[in-house]
């Protein structure tokens, strides 16, 4: 699962929304 957030922000940021989105 890859939200649009990844396109706007660096890969490391994925850990941030990953904590908010249980998956």
PDB file of N, CA and C in Angstrom:
ATOM      1  N   UNK A   1       0.842  -1.210   0.000  1.00  0.00           N
ATOM      2  CA  UNK A   1       0.000   0.000   0.000  1.00  0.00           C
ATOM      3  C   UNK A   1       0.872   1.254   0.000  1.00  0.00           C
ATOM      4  N   UNK A   2       0.690   2.087  -1.047  1.00  0.00           N
ATOM      5  CA  UNK A   2       1.522   3.290  -1.169  1.00  0.00           C
ATOM      6  C   UNK A   2       0.647   4.527  -1.360  1.00  0.00           C
ATOM      7  N   UNK A   3       0.444   5.276  -0.287  1.00  0.00           N
ATOM      8  CA  UNK A   3      -0.358   6.511  -0.353  1.00  0.00           C
ATOM      9  C   UNK A   3       0.348   7.576  -1.181  1.00  0.00           C
ATOM     10  N   UNK A   4      -0.387   8.610  -1.554  1.00  0.00           N
ATOM     11  CA  UNK A   4       0.193   9.710  -2.343  1.00  0.00           C
ATOM     12  C   UNK A   4       1.281  10.424  -1.552  1.00  0.00           C
ATOM     13  N   UNK A   5       1.233  10.284  -0.239  1.00  0.00           N
ATOM     14  CA  UNK A   5       2.199  10.958   0.634  1.00  0.00           C
ATOM     15  C   UNK A   5       3.633  10.651   0.208  1.00  0.00           C
ATOM     16  N   UNK A   6       3.856   9.434  -0.221  1.00  0.00           N
ATOM     17  CA  UNK A   6       5.201   9.000  -0.612  1.00  0.00           C
ATOM     18  C   UNK A   6       5.732   9.849  -1.772  1.00  0.00           C
ATOM     19  N   UNK A   7       4.829  10.272  -2.653  1.00  0.00           N
ATOM     20  CA  UNK A   7       5.249  11.048  -3.821  1.00  0.00           C
ATOM     21  C   UNK A   7       5.677  12.459  -3.420  1.00  0.00           C
ATOM     22  N   UNK A   8       5.090  12.953  -2.347  1.00  0.00           N
ATOM     23  CA  UNK A   8       5.395  14.319  -1.925  1.00  0.00           C
ATOM     24  C   UNK A   8       6.541  14.359  -0.925  1.00  0.00           C
ATOM     25  N   UNK A   9       6.687  13.264  -0.193  1.00  0.00           N
ATOM     26  CA  UNK A   9       7.706  13.229   0.847  1.00  0.00           C
ATOM     27  C   UNK A   9       8.698  12.093   0.624  1.00  0.00           C
ATOM     28  N   UNK A  10       9.853  12.157   1.249  1.00  0.00           N
ATOM     29  CA  UNK A  10      10.881  11.111   1.135  1.00  0.00           C
ATOM     30  C   UNK A  10      10.391   9.776   1.686  1.00  0.00           C
ATOM     31  N   UNK A  11      11.072   8.714   1.336  1.00  0.00           N
ATOM     32  CA  UNK A  11      10.678   7.379   1.766  1.00  0.00           C
ATOM     33  C   UNK A  11      10.612   7.231   3.289  1.00  0.00           C
ATOM     34  N   UNK A  12      11.560   7.789   4.032  1.00  0.00           N
ATOM     35  CA  UNK A  12      11.548   7.668   5.496  1.00  0.00           C
ATOM     36  C   UNK A  12      10.227   8.135   6.112  1.00  0.00           C
ATOM     37  N   UNK A  13       9.539   9.014   5.420  1.00  0.00           N
ATOM     38  CA  UNK A  13       8.297   9.550   5.955  1.00  0.00           C
ATOM     39  C   UNK A  13       7.212   8.474   6.036  1.00  0.00           C
ATOM     40  N   UNK A  14       7.400   7.409   5.261  1.00  0.00           N
ATOM     41  CA  UNK A  14       6.398   6.344   5.227  1.00  0.00           C
ATOM     42  C   UNK A  14       6.207   5.728   6.608  1.00  0.00           C
ATOM     43  N   UNK A  15       7.234   5.789   7.434  1.00  0.00           N
ATOM     44  CA  UNK A  15       7.109   5.225   8.788  1.00  0.00           C
ATOM     45  C   UNK A  15       6.129   6.047   9.617  1.00  0.00           C
ATOM     46  N   UNK A  16       5.985   7.317   9.285  1.00  0.00           N
ATOM     47  CA  UNK A  16       5.084   8.189  10.041  1.00  0.00           C
ATOM     48  C   UNK A  16       3.628   7.809   9.814  1.00  0.00           C
ATOM     49  N   UNK A  17       3.221   7.746   8.539  1.00  0.00           N
ATOM     50  CA  UNK A  17       1.819   7.409   8.282  1.00  0.00           C
ATOM     51  C   UNK A  17       1.570   5.929   8.520  1.00  0.00           C
ATOM     52  N   UNK A  18       2.641   5.153   8.457  1.00  0.00           N
ATOM     53  CA  UNK A  18       2.493   3.721   8.704  1.00  0.00           C
ATOM     54  C   UNK A  18       2.034   3.496  10.139  1.00  0.00           C
ATOM     55  N   UNK A  19       2.468   4.354  11.031  1.00  0.00           N
ATOM     56  CA  UNK A  19       2.077   4.230  12.435  1.00  0.00           C
ATOM     57  C   UNK A  19       0.608   4.615  12.604  1.00  0.00           C
ATOM     58  N   UNK A  20       0.146   5.526  11.737  1.00  0.00           N
ATOM     59  CA  UNK A  20      -1.235   5.970  11.829  1.00  0.00           C
ATOM     60  C   UNK A  20      -2.161   5.002  11.113  1.00  0.00           C
ATOM     61  N   UNK A  21      -1.638   4.400  10.038  1.00  0.00           N
ATOM     62  CA  UNK A  21      -2.444   3.463   9.260  1.00  0.00           C
ATOM     63  C   UNK A  21      -2.035   2.023   9.541  1.00  0.00           C
ATOM     64  N   UNK A  22      -2.848   1.291  10.289  1.00  0.00           N
ATOM     65  CA  UNK A  22      -2.553  -0.109  10.598  1.00  0.00           C
ATOM     66  C   UNK A  22      -2.679  -0.979   9.356  1.00  0.00           C
ATOM     67  N   UNK A  23      -1.547  -1.506   8.875  1.00  0.00           N
ATOM     68  CA  UNK A  23      -1.604  -2.332   7.691  1.00  0.00           C
ATOM     69  C   UNK A  23      -0.319  -3.185   7.611  1.00  0.00           C
TER      70      UNK A  23
END
